[in-house]
Protein backbone atom coordinates (compact mmCIF):
# COMPACT_ATOMS: atom_id res chain seq x y z
CA MET A 1 99.61 113.07 111.75
CA LEU A 2 102.82 112.19 112.68
CA ILE A 3 102.62 109.25 110.11
CA ARG A 4 101.33 111.52 107.20
CA PHE A 5 104.46 114.04 107.61
CA PHE A 6 107.16 110.48 107.42
CA ASP A 7 104.86 109.91 104.40
CA ILE A 8 106.02 112.70 102.63
CA THR A 9 109.36 113.60 103.84
CA LEU A 10 110.32 109.76 102.87
CA ALA A 11 108.31 109.75 99.84
CA LEU A 12 110.26 113.00 98.64
CA LEU A 13 113.62 111.47 99.86
CA GLY A 14 112.78 108.09 97.48
CA LEU A 15 112.00 110.23 94.52
CA ILE A 16 114.98 112.13 94.51
CA ILE A 17 117.51 109.34 95.76
CA LEU A 18 115.70 106.82 93.41
CA LEU A 19 115.16 109.62 89.82
CA PRO A 20 118.37 107.43 88.27
CA LEU A 21 116.73 104.02 88.89
CA PHE A 22 113.57 105.17 87.84
CA LEU A 23 114.80 106.47 84.55
CA VAL A 24 117.01 103.16 84.00
CA LEU A 25 113.45 100.64 84.81
CA LEU A 26 111.69 103.21 82.15
CA THR A 27 113.83 102.64 79.80
CA ILE A 28 113.94 98.96 80.45
CA VAL A 29 110.65 98.49 80.72
CA SER A 30 110.25 100.61 77.36
CA LEU A 31 111.86 97.82 75.37
CA ASP A 32 109.26 94.93 76.56
CA SER A 33 106.36 97.30 76.68
CA ARG A 34 105.20 100.38 74.58
CA SER A 35 103.93 101.75 78.13
CA PRO A 36 106.08 101.06 80.72
CA ILE A 37 103.84 102.97 83.57
CA PHE A 38 100.44 101.06 84.19
CA GLY A 39 97.85 103.07 85.83
CA GLN A 40 94.71 100.96 87.88
CA LEU A 41 91.89 102.22 89.67
CA ARG A 42 91.81 100.93 92.99
CA LEU A 43 90.01 101.59 96.62
CA GLY A 44 91.72 103.84 98.94
CA ARG A 45 90.63 105.57 102.29
CA ASN A 46 87.16 105.64 102.67
CA ARG A 47 86.58 104.00 99.71
CA GLU A 48 87.62 106.44 97.71
CA LEU A 49 88.73 105.48 94.02
CA PHE A 50 92.50 106.42 93.08
CA ARG A 51 94.43 105.39 90.23
CA ILE A 52 97.71 103.33 91.57
CA TYR A 53 100.58 103.53 89.62
CA LYS A 54 103.45 100.95 88.61
CA PHE A 55 106.11 99.95 86.27
CA ARG A 56 103.99 97.63 84.03
CA SER A 57 104.57 93.85 84.21
CA MET A 58 101.89 92.66 82.33
CA LEU A 59 100.71 92.51 78.45
CA ILE A 60 98.97 95.58 78.19
CA GLU A 61 95.76 93.47 77.22
CA THR A 62 95.49 91.71 80.35
CA PRO A 63 92.15 92.10 81.55
CA ASP A 64 91.93 93.96 84.52
CA GLN A 65 91.66 91.64 87.96
CA PRO A 66 93.46 90.68 90.89
CA THR A 67 96.91 89.79 90.01
CA HIS A 68 96.90 86.29 91.72
CA LEU A 69 93.82 85.83 88.80
CA VAL A 70 96.31 86.68 86.16
CA PRO A 71 97.70 83.64 83.76
CA GLU A 72 101.28 83.49 83.63
CA THR A 73 101.42 83.68 80.40
CA GLN A 74 100.30 87.60 80.80
CA ILE A 75 103.25 88.74 82.41
CA THR A 76 106.19 89.83 80.38
CA GLN A 77 109.83 88.63 80.89
CA VAL A 78 110.94 92.29 82.25
CA GLY A 79 107.83 91.98 84.52
CA LYS A 80 108.80 88.37 86.00
CA TRP A 81 112.14 90.50 87.11
CA LEU A 82 110.02 93.44 88.53
CA ARG A 83 107.92 91.76 90.41
CA TYR A 84 110.64 89.21 91.99
CA THR A 85 112.68 92.47 92.71
CA LYS A 86 109.20 94.15 94.04
CA LEU A 87 110.84 96.96 91.68
CA ASP A 88 107.16 97.51 89.74
CA GLU A 89 106.24 99.18 93.09
CA LEU A 90 108.09 102.40 92.33
CA PRO A 91 105.84 104.56 91.46
CA GLN A 92 103.72 104.44 93.91
CA ILE A 93 105.52 106.65 95.70
CA TRP A 94 104.11 109.07 93.80
CA ASN A 95 100.81 107.68 95.44
CA VAL A 96 102.34 108.21 98.97
CA LEU A 97 103.35 112.00 98.00
CA VAL A 98 100.21 113.22 96.88
CA GLY A 99 98.33 111.73 99.43
CA ASP A 100 96.07 108.40 97.67
CA MET A 101 98.47 106.05 100.04
CA SER A 102 101.09 105.76 102.75
CA LEU A 103 104.27 103.64 103.00
CA VAL A 104 102.46 101.23 105.67
CA GLY A 105 98.85 100.35 105.11
CA PRO A 106 96.14 97.31 104.15
CA ARG A 107 97.50 96.98 99.87
CA PRO A 108 94.41 99.07 97.87
CA GLY A 109 91.83 96.40 96.29
CA LEU A 110 90.08 96.38 92.94
CA PRO A 111 86.64 98.58 93.01
CA SER A 112 85.55 94.80 91.76
CA HIS A 113 86.81 92.20 94.53
CA CYS A 114 83.47 92.66 96.41
CA ASP A 115 84.56 89.80 98.82
CA LEU A 116 86.97 92.09 100.06
CA ILE A 117 85.39 94.95 100.24
CA SER A 118 82.78 93.38 102.28
CA ALA A 119 85.58 91.80 104.56
CA ARG A 120 87.16 94.96 105.13
CA GLU A 121 84.15 97.26 105.54
CA LYS A 122 83.04 95.00 108.74
CA LEU A 123 86.34 95.39 110.02
CA ASN A 124 86.64 99.48 109.64
CA VAL A 125 89.65 99.11 107.57
CA PHE A 126 88.62 101.30 105.16
CA ARG A 127 89.43 104.18 107.74
CA VAL A 128 92.90 104.52 106.53
CA ARG A 129 94.88 105.09 103.55
CA PRO A 130 96.08 102.50 101.79
CA GLY A 131 99.56 101.28 102.00
CA ILE A 132 102.85 100.16 99.80
CA THR A 133 103.99 97.46 102.27
CA GLY A 134 102.05 95.95 105.48
CA LEU A 135 101.46 92.96 107.68
CA SER A 136 99.37 91.27 105.35
CA GLN A 137 102.43 91.50 102.51
CA LEU A 138 105.46 90.48 104.85
CA LEU A 139 103.54 87.60 106.10
CA GLY A 140 102.48 86.45 102.27
CA VAL A 141 98.74 87.01 102.61
CA ASP A 142 97.21 88.16 99.31
CA MET A 143 93.94 88.94 98.14
CA SER A 144 92.93 85.18 97.23
CA ASP A 145 91.57 84.88 100.67
CA PRO A 146 89.32 87.95 101.46
CA ALA A 147 88.60 86.99 105.20
CA ARG A 148 91.99 86.53 106.27
CA LEU A 149 93.47 89.27 104.10
CA ALA A 150 91.22 92.08 105.83
CA GLY A 151 91.60 90.25 109.39
CA PHE A 152 95.29 91.25 109.05
CA ASP A 153 94.89 94.41 107.67
CA ALA A 154 92.63 95.41 110.87
CA LYS A 155 95.24 93.96 113.00
CA MET A 156 97.56 95.80 111.59
CA ILE A 157 95.92 99.08 111.78
CA THR A 158 95.03 98.57 115.21
CA LYS A 159 98.69 98.49 116.53
CA LEU A 160 99.76 100.85 113.81
CA ASN A 161 101.79 103.68 115.57
CA VAL A 162 105.30 105.35 114.49
CA LEU A 163 107.69 102.64 115.82
CA SER A 164 105.63 99.59 114.12
CA TYR A 165 105.64 101.81 110.82
CA PHE A 166 109.00 101.77 110.66
CA GLY A 167 109.54 98.44 111.84
CA TYR A 168 106.80 97.74 109.09
CA ILE A 169 109.90 99.61 106.23
CA ALA A 170 112.52 98.48 107.89
CA VAL A 171 111.43 94.57 107.67
CA THR A 172 110.13 95.06 103.94
CA LEU A 173 113.46 96.54 102.91
CA ALA A 174 114.90 93.23 104.52
CA THR A 175 112.86 91.09 102.66
CA VAL A 176 113.61 92.80 99.71
CA PHE A 177 117.24 92.61 99.93
CA ARG A 178 116.64 89.03 100.98
CA ILE A 179 118.33 89.87 104.50
CA ARG A 180 116.67 86.52 105.59
CA ARG A 181 117.87 86.70 109.48
CA PHE A 182 117.79 90.56 109.76
CA ARG A 183 114.07 90.01 108.51
CA ASN A 184 113.24 87.20 110.70
CA TYR A 185 114.98 89.40 114.10
CA LEU A 186 112.90 92.31 113.24
CA LEU A 187 109.48 90.03 112.64
CA ASN A 188 110.44 88.30 116.34
CA LYS A 189 111.76 91.10 117.81
CA ILE A 190 108.79 93.85 116.55
CA ASN A 191 105.05 92.84 117.85
CA PHE A 192 103.28 93.31 114.72
């Protein structure tokens, strides 16, 4: 319950503070695509479907599949930059605010990613809200290895508390801003 309070508080602050950046990014992405916001169905808590939002980084006609399976030719020039800077994820702050997601949790998978669904069900990962960031993202484990990803998700969930919640956020910010020493220090000091 306390983590949900922090999710709402930080999401509201984020939306207010980042509004000018949102407007700039909407304008930039609109130059590259006629639809700057991308919505996709994902599996959330208790396997409930919800629509996740991102700034569009791929061509509109790109098939609905896991990101690691999308060919480079389907990613727009602006999209490459958005992905590199992780700014494509910013609209997910709305998903956090409305309760579909948390700031910290397992990345929500696609309903068609059966191997990941099965692996996560075995480890009871669907009992929590999915998140924007988490242990797997920080360690570079993606959906191409479903069993390993589910294992890291379960490990994170087991140890998730208010301290580690803010630890994941701090490491994520250090990663985004390329502050390697601080990121590595946090990874070594916080027991993930």
